[in-house]
C-alpha atoms as a PDB file:
ATOM      1  CA  MET A   1      -3.758  15.404  24.546  1.00  0.00           C
ATOM      2  CA  PRO A   2      -3.958  15.972  20.707  1.00  0.00           C
ATOM      3  CA  ASP A   3      -5.989  13.520  18.651  1.00  0.00           C
ATOM      4  CA  MET A   4      -5.313  11.936  15.196  1.00  0.00           C
ATOM      5  CA  SER A   5      -7.391  14.533  13.436  1.00  0.00           C
ATOM      6  CA  SER A   6      -5.058  17.319  14.748  1.00  0.00           C
ATOM      7  CA  PHE A   7      -2.060  15.426  13.324  1.00  0.00           C
ATOM      8  CA  ARG A   8      -3.879  14.802   9.949  1.00  0.00           C
ATOM      9  CA  GLU A   9      -4.681  18.625   9.761  1.00  0.00           C
ATOM     10  CA  ALA A  10      -1.178  19.543  10.565  1.00  0.00           C
ATOM     11  CA  VAL A  11       0.219  17.321   8.022  1.00  0.00           C
ATOM     12  CA  THR A  12      -2.075  18.371   5.348  1.00  0.00           C
ATOM     13  CA  ALA A  13      -1.130  22.063   6.079  1.00  0.00           C
ATOM     14  CA  TRP A  14       2.626  21.125   6.214  1.00  0.00           C
ATOM     15  CA  ALA A  15       2.161  19.529   2.719  1.00  0.00           C
ATOM     16  CA  ALA A  16       0.735  22.758   1.419  1.00  0.00           C
ATOM     17  CA  GLY A  17       3.852  24.592   2.651  1.00  0.00           C
ATOM     18  CA  GLY A  18       3.009  25.372   6.269  1.00  0.00           C
ATOM     19  CA  PRO A  19       5.271  25.029   9.337  1.00  0.00           C
ATOM     20  CA  SER A  20       7.279  21.726   9.668  1.00  0.00           C
ATOM     21  CA  ASP A  21       7.566  21.550  13.458  1.00  0.00           C
ATOM     22  CA  PRO A  22       3.828  21.025  14.649  1.00  0.00           C
ATOM     23  CA  PRO A  23       3.435  17.573  12.866  1.00  0.00           C
ATOM     24  CA  ARG A  24       6.801  16.335  14.281  1.00  0.00           C
ATOM     25  CA  ARG A  25       5.741  17.304  17.859  1.00  0.00           C
ATOM     26  CA  LEU A  26       2.277  15.983  17.388  1.00  0.00           C
ATOM     27  CA  ALA A  27       3.547  12.575  16.025  1.00  0.00           C
ATOM     28  CA  ALA A  28       5.667  12.218  19.033  1.00  0.00           C
ATOM     29  CA  ARG A  29       2.991  13.015  21.493  1.00  0.00           C
ATOM     30  CA  LEU A  30       0.227  10.670  20.020  1.00  0.00           C
ATOM     31  CA  PRO A  31       2.424   8.768  19.080  1.00  0.00           C
ATOM     32  CA  VAL A  32       1.909   7.872  15.513  1.00  0.00           C
ATOM     33  CA  ARG A  33       3.512   4.782  14.104  1.00  0.00           C
ATOM     34  CA  ALA A  34       2.051   4.419  10.589  1.00  0.00           C
ATOM     35  CA  VAL A  35       0.256   6.383   7.884  1.00  0.00           C
ATOM     36  CA  VAL A  36      -2.206   5.124   5.326  1.00  0.00           C
ATOM     37  CA  LEU A  37      -1.920   7.311   2.169  1.00  0.00           C
ATOM     38  CA  LEU A  38      -5.408   7.462   0.352  1.00  0.00           C
ATOM     39  CA  GLU A  39      -6.490   9.401  -2.634  1.00  0.00           C
ATOM     40  CA  GLY A  40      -9.471  10.976  -1.080  1.00  0.00           C
ATOM     41  CA  PRO A  41     -12.168  11.038   1.770  1.00  0.00           C
ATOM     42  CA  SER A  42     -14.452   8.265   0.280  1.00  0.00           C
ATOM     43  CA  ASP A  43     -11.391   5.854   0.527  1.00  0.00           C
ATOM     44  CA  ALA A  44     -10.814   7.034   4.121  1.00  0.00           C
ATOM     45  CA  ALA A  45     -14.610   6.550   4.914  1.00  0.00           C
ATOM     46  CA  ALA A  46     -14.393   2.983   3.769  1.00  0.00           C
ATOM     47  CA  VAL A  47     -11.146   2.143   5.583  1.00  0.00           C
ATOM     48  CA  ASP A  48     -12.486   3.620   8.811  1.00  0.00           C
ATOM     49  CA  ALA A  49     -15.743   1.777   8.481  1.00  0.00           C
ATOM     50  CA  LEU A  50     -14.226  -1.633   7.899  1.00  0.00           C
ATOM     51  CA  ALA A  51     -11.809  -1.076  10.742  1.00  0.00           C
ATOM     52  CA  ALA A  52     -14.518  -0.380  13.118  1.00  0.00           C
ATOM     53  CA  SER A  53     -16.651  -3.265  11.904  1.00  0.00           C
ATOM     54  CA  ARG A  54     -13.674  -5.572  13.016  1.00  0.00           C
ATOM     55  CA  GLY A  55     -13.453  -3.661  16.360  1.00  0.00           C
ATOM     56  CA  ARG A  56     -10.360  -1.628  15.341  1.00  0.00           C
ATOM     57  CA  ASP A  57      -9.626   1.827  16.429  1.00  0.00           C
ATOM     58  CA  LEU A  58      -6.784   2.803  13.995  1.00  0.00           C
ATOM     59  CA  ALA A  59      -6.192   6.035  15.592  1.00  0.00           C
ATOM     60  CA  ALA A  60      -5.750   4.400  19.048  1.00  0.00           C
ATOM     61  CA  ASP A  61      -3.351   2.059  17.474  1.00  0.00           C
ATOM     62  CA  GLY A  62      -1.156   5.027  16.233  1.00  0.00           C
ATOM     63  CA  VAL A  63      -2.414   4.738  12.658  1.00  0.00           C
ATOM     64  CA  CYS A  64      -3.278   7.929  10.801  1.00  0.00           C
ATOM     65  CA  VAL A  65      -5.632   7.413   7.912  1.00  0.00           C
ATOM     66  CA  LEU A  66      -4.816  10.238   5.564  1.00  0.00           C
ATOM     67  CA  PRO A  67      -6.784  11.472   2.368  1.00  0.00           C
ATOM     68  CA  MET A  68      -4.119  13.433   0.285  1.00  0.00           C
ATOM     69  CA  GLY A  69      -6.503  15.197  -1.920  1.00  0.00           C
ATOM     70  CA  GLY A  70      -5.514  13.289  -5.121  1.00  0.00           C
ATOM     71  CA  ALA A  71      -2.997  10.472  -5.893  1.00  0.00           C
ATOM     72  CA  MET A  72      -0.636  12.768  -7.502  1.00  0.00           C
ATOM     73  CA  SER A  73       0.212  14.220  -4.166  1.00  0.00           C
ATOM     74  CA  VAL A  74       1.758  10.825  -2.951  1.00  0.00           C
ATOM     75  CA  GLY A  75       5.393  11.952  -3.669  1.00  0.00           C
ATOM     76  CA  ARG A  76       5.257  14.880  -1.360  1.00  0.00           C
ATOM     77  CA  PHE A  77       3.494  13.033   1.401  1.00  0.00           C
ATOM     78  CA  THR A  78       6.001  10.092   1.239  1.00  0.00           C
ATOM     79  CA  GLN A  79       8.876  12.599   1.458  1.00  0.00           C
ATOM     80  CA  LEU A  80       7.284  14.420   4.446  1.00  0.00           C
ATOM     81  CA  LEU A  81       6.262  11.356   6.347  1.00  0.00           C
ATOM     82  CA  GLY A  82       8.586   8.462   5.353  1.00  0.00           C
ATOM     83  CA  PRO A  83      12.362   8.027   6.032  1.00  0.00           C
ATOM     84  CA  PRO A  84      13.269  11.477   4.716  1.00  0.00           C
ATOM     85  CA  GLY A  85      10.853  13.282   6.982  1.00  0.00           C
ATOM     86  CA  LEU A  86       9.143  11.984  10.116  1.00  0.00           C
ATOM     87  CA  GLY A  87      10.303   8.314   9.529  1.00  0.00           C
ATOM     88  CA  LEU A  88       6.862   6.852   9.906  1.00  0.00           C
ATOM     89  CA  ARG A  89       5.803   3.442   8.445  1.00  0.00           C
ATOM     90  CA  LEU A  90       3.977   4.125   5.147  1.00  0.00           C
ATOM     91  CA  THR A  91       1.297   2.146   3.440  1.00  0.00           C
ATOM     92  CA  GLY A  92      -1.714   2.973   1.192  1.00  0.00           C
ATOM     93  CA  LEU A  93      -4.454   2.101  -1.094  1.00  0.00           C
ATOM     94  CA  CYS A  94      -4.641   3.178  -4.760  1.00  0.00           C
ATOM     95  CA  ASP A  95      -6.272   2.410  -8.081  1.00  0.00           C
ATOM     96  CA  GLU A  96      -4.482   0.302 -10.676  1.00  0.00           C
ATOM     97  CA  ARG A  97      -3.726   3.417 -12.835  1.00  0.00           C
ATOM     98  CA  GLU A  98      -2.066   5.084  -9.808  1.00  0.00           C
ATOM     99  CA  ARG A  99       0.173   2.133  -9.093  1.00  0.00           C
ATOM    100  CA  PRO A 100       3.243   3.603 -10.899  1.00  0.00           C
ATOM    101  CA  TYR A 101       2.965   6.956  -8.906  1.00  0.00           C
ATOM    102  CA  TYR A 102       2.843   5.144  -5.603  1.00  0.00           C
ATOM    103  CA  ALA A 103       5.712   2.840  -6.528  1.00  0.00           C
ATOM    104  CA  ARG A 104       7.829   5.775  -7.712  1.00  0.00           C
ATOM    105  CA  ALA A 105       7.059   7.756  -4.671  1.00  0.00           C
ATOM    106  CA  PHE A 106       7.783   5.003  -2.210  1.00  0.00           C
ATOM    107  CA  GLU A 107      11.017   4.172  -3.872  1.00  0.00           C
ATOM    108  CA  ARG A 108      12.241   7.843  -3.808  1.00  0.00           C
ATOM    109  CA  ALA A 109      11.408   8.091  -0.209  1.00  0.00           C
ATOM    110  CA  GLY A 110      13.457   5.052   0.644  1.00  0.00           C
ATOM    111  CA  ALA A 111      10.405   3.078   1.515  1.00  0.00           C
ATOM    112  CA  ALA A 112      10.244   0.728  -1.447  1.00  0.00           C
ATOM    113  CA  GLN A 113      10.061  -2.171   1.034  1.00  0.00           C
ATOM    114  CA  GLN A 114       6.956  -0.918   2.649  1.00  0.00           C
ATOM    115  CA  GLU A 115       3.736  -2.318   1.029  1.00  0.00           C
ATOM    116  CA  PHE A 116       0.819  -0.518  -0.379  1.00  0.00           C
ATOM    117  CA  PHE A 117      -2.341  -2.167  -1.935  1.00  0.00           C
ATOM    118  CA  VAL A 118      -3.863  -1.737  -5.376  1.00  0.00           C
ATOM    119  CA  CYS A 119      -7.566  -1.879  -6.449  1.00  0.00           C
ATOM    120  CA  ALA A 120      -8.297  -3.478  -9.913  1.00  0.00           C
ATOM    121  CA  ALA A 121     -10.234  -0.365 -11.063  1.00  0.00           C
ATOM    122  CA  ASP A 122     -10.906   1.652  -7.968  1.00  0.00           C
ATOM    123  CA  LEU A 123     -12.238   1.050  -4.455  1.00  0.00           C
ATOM    124  CA  GLU A 124     -15.930   1.537  -5.404  1.00  0.00           C
ATOM    125  CA  ASP A 125     -15.712  -1.060  -8.034  1.00  0.00           C
ATOM    126  CA  GLU A 126     -14.045  -3.489  -5.460  1.00  0.00           C
ATOM    127  CA  LEU A 127     -16.915  -2.873  -3.068  1.00  0.00           C
ATOM    128  CA  ILE A 128     -19.692  -3.331  -5.613  1.00  0.00           C
ATOM    129  CA  ARG A 129     -18.070  -6.567  -6.935  1.00  0.00           C
ATOM    130  CA  ALA A 130     -17.788  -7.885  -3.345  1.00  0.00           C
ATOM    131  CA  LEU A 131     -21.434  -7.130  -2.430  1.00  0.00           C
ATOM    132  CA  GLY A 132     -23.066  -7.759  -5.813  1.00  0.00           C
ATOM    133  CA  VAL A 133     -25.402  -5.416  -7.709  1.00  0.00           C
ATOM    134  CA  THR A 134     -28.506  -6.715  -5.966  1.00  0.00           C
ATOM    135  CA  ARG A 135     -27.132  -6.018  -2.485  1.00  0.00           C
ATOM    136  CA  VAL A 136     -25.815  -2.534  -3.461  1.00  0.00           C
ATOM    137  CA  GLU A 137     -29.266  -1.640  -4.880  1.00  0.00           C
ATOM    138  CA  GLU A 138     -30.866  -2.663  -1.613  1.00  0.00           C
ATOM    139  CA  LEU A 139     -28.364  -0.471   0.262  1.00  0.00           C
ATOM    140  CA  VAL A 140     -29.126   2.489  -2.230  1.00  0.00           C
ATOM    141  CA  ARG A 141     -32.896   1.893  -1.391  1.00  0.00           C
ATOM    142  CA  ALA A 142     -32.135   1.979   2.289  1.00  0.00           C
ATOM    143  CA  GLU A 143     -30.342   5.239   1.836  1.00  0.00           C
ATOM    144  CA  GLY A 144     -33.148   6.863   0.032  1.00  0.00           C
ATOM    145  CA  ASP A 145     -31.422   7.086  -3.325  1.00  0.00           C
ATOM    146  CA  LEU A 146     -33.149   4.495  -5.499  1.00  0.00           C
ATOM    147  CA  ARG A 147     -35.215   6.852  -7.517  1.00  0.00           C
ATOM    148  CA  ALA A 148     -32.154   8.894  -8.316  1.00  0.00           C
ATOM    149  CA  LEU A 149     -30.391   5.687  -9.384  1.00  0.00           C
ATOM    150  CA  ARG A 150     -33.159   4.652 -11.662  1.00  0.00           C
ATOM    151  CA  THR A 151     -33.307   8.126 -13.207  1.00  0.00           C
ATOM    152  CA  PHE A 152     -29.567   7.794 -13.718  1.00  0.00           C
ATOM    153  CA  GLN A 153     -29.671   4.482 -15.246  1.00  0.00           C
ATOM    154  CA  HIS A 154     -32.309   5.619 -17.779  1.00  0.00           C
ATOM    155  CA  GLN A 155     -29.974   8.323 -19.208  1.00  0.00           C
ATOM    156  CA  PRO A 156     -28.699   7.702 -22.769  1.00  0.00           C
ATOM    157  CA  ALA A 157     -25.173   7.765 -21.628  1.00  0.00           C
ATOM    158  CA  GLN A 158     -25.789   4.805 -19.484  1.00  0.00           C
ATOM    159  CA  GLN A 159     -27.289   2.423 -22.010  1.00  0.00           C
ATOM    160  CA  GLY A 160     -25.149  -0.478 -22.860  1.00  0.00           C
ATOM    161  CA  ARG A 161     -23.209  -0.186 -19.597  1.00  0.00           C
ATOM    162  CA  THR A 162     -23.426  -3.105 -17.076  1.00  0.00           C
ATOM    163  CA  PRO A 163     -25.372  -2.492 -13.880  1.00  0.00           C
ATOM    164  CA  GLN A 164     -21.979  -2.646 -12.039  1.00  0.00           C
ATOM    165  CA  ARG A 165     -20.546   0.206 -14.168  1.00  0.00           C
ATOM    166  CA  GLN A 166     -23.709   2.229 -13.812  1.00  0.00           C
ATOM    167  CA  LEU A 167     -23.617   1.857  -9.939  1.00  0.00           C
ATOM    168  CA  ARG A 168     -19.897   2.888  -9.940  1.00  0.00           C
ATOM    169  CA  ARG A 169     -20.536   6.006 -12.035  1.00  0.00           C
ATOM    170  CA  PHE A 170     -23.652   6.789 -10.015  1.00  0.00           C
ATOM    171  CA  LEU A 171     -21.792   7.041  -6.782  1.00  0.00           C
ATOM    172  CA  GLY A 172     -19.737   9.946  -8.229  1.00  0.00           C
ATOM    173  CA  THR A 173     -22.661  12.037  -9.496  1.00  0.00           C
ATOM    174  CA  LYS A 174     -23.347  14.067  -6.339  1.00  0.00           C
ATOM    175  CA  LYS A 175     -20.967  15.764  -3.902  1.00  0.00           C
ATOM    176  CA  GLY A 176     -20.606  13.695  -0.868  1.00  0.00           C
ATOM    177  CA  ARG A 177     -22.115  10.602  -2.313  1.00  0.00           C
ATOM    178  CA  LYS A 178     -18.903   8.652  -2.729  1.00  0.00           C
ATOM    179  CA  ILE A 179     -18.010   9.354   0.926  1.00  0.00           C
ATOM    180  CA  GLN A 180     -21.424   8.241   2.190  1.00  0.00           C
ATOM    181  CA  TYR A 181     -21.307   4.997   0.178  1.00  0.00           C
ATOM    182  CA  GLY A 182     -17.794   4.356   1.073  1.00  0.00           C
ATOM    183  CA  ARG A 183     -18.898   3.935   4.618  1.00  0.00           C
ATOM    184  CA  VAL A 184     -22.217   2.266   3.754  1.00  0.00           C
ATOM    185  CA  LEU A 185     -20.760  -0.305   1.447  1.00  0.00           C
ATOM    186  CA  ALA A 186     -17.916  -1.152   3.730  1.00  0.00           C
ATOM    187  CA  GLU A 187     -20.153  -1.617   6.748  1.00  0.00           C
ATOM    188  CA  ALA A 188     -22.318  -4.073   4.656  1.00  0.00           C
ATOM    189  CA  LEU A 189     -19.364  -6.356   3.729  1.00  0.00           C
ATOM    190  CA  ASP A 190     -19.579  -9.994   4.628  1.00  0.00           C
ATOM    191  CA  PRO A 191     -16.406 -10.690   6.752  1.00  0.00           C
ATOM    192  CA  ASP A 192     -15.535 -13.536   4.284  1.00  0.00           C
ATOM    193  CA  HIS A 193     -15.956 -11.455   1.240  1.00  0.00           C
ATOM    194  CA  VAL A 194     -13.896  -8.234   1.900  1.00  0.00           C
ATOM    195  CA  PRO A 195     -12.013  -7.249  -1.237  1.00  0.00           C
ATOM    196  CA  ALA A 196      -8.460  -8.248  -1.208  1.00  0.00           C
ATOM    197  CA  PRO A 197      -6.842  -4.766  -1.207  1.00  0.00           C
ATOM    198  CA  LEU A 198      -8.905  -3.576   1.789  1.00  0.00           C
ATOM    199  CA  ASP A 199      -8.329  -6.973   3.680  1.00  0.00           C
ATOM    200  CA  GLY A 200      -4.614  -6.857   3.009  1.00  0.00           C
ATOM    201  CA  LEU A 201      -4.404  -3.229   4.117  1.00  0.00           C
ATOM    202  CA  LEU A 202      -6.061  -3.876   7.468  1.00  0.00           C
ATOM    203  CA  ALA A 203      -4.114  -7.130   8.133  1.00  0.00           C
ATOM    204  CA  SER A 204      -0.834  -5.137   7.579  1.00  0.00           C
ATOM    205  CA  LEU A 205      -1.812  -2.611  10.290  1.00  0.00           C
ATOM    206  CA  ARG A 206      -2.169  -5.266  12.892  1.00  0.00           C
ATOM    207  CA  THR A 207      -0.158  -4.286  16.072  1.00  0.00           C
ATOM    208  CA  SER A 208       2.258  -7.104  17.099  1.00  0.00           C
END
C-alpha cells in the first residue's frame, strides 16, 4: 500500500514534467481527497505538528500536505491537482503578498469556491505573535540556539528592529532552522491561541 509521501513525491515529479499516470493511480489507491498547497517545508512542518497536537493524522484522512517549492508554483499545482487534473479538493496557506497568485491560480483551475488561508505577513510571524517573544525565546533556549540568537540581535542590521522582527529574521538565517521551528513553535501553541489562518485551515479539513 503506497503512503502519502509516495503520492507527494509523484506529484512533485509530475509538476516538474514527469509522467502523468503514477499520481493518478496513487491518488485512487490511497485514496486522496484533498491537497494543502504550501510554499515550503517549514509551513508543512507547522501544519503537520499542529494537526498531530490535535490528534489528527492528515494522511490517514486522505489529506496530502504539499510543499510546492515556492508560491509561484501554485498555478501549475492547481491545474494538475484541481478540476482540470485529478479533481481533488484544494486548499492552502500563503503569505499576504502571495494572495493574488493563489486567488488567480484557484480561479483559473475552476476552484475559486475552494478556500485558502492567508497569513498577515508570513507563518513565522503568526506563530511568534501567537506565542509572544518571551515564550519563543524560551523555546529557542530549549533548542540550544539562544547564544546564536543573541549574537544575531547584536548585529548592526538588527538595531532598531522590534524583538518580534528580529526573531522572524533569525529563523531564516540557517538552513533547516525554519523547518525546525515551524514544528517547535506549532507544538508549543496554546489550543486557545492558534493563529487564525492555521486554525481555519485545520478546521476546513475535518472529515464529515
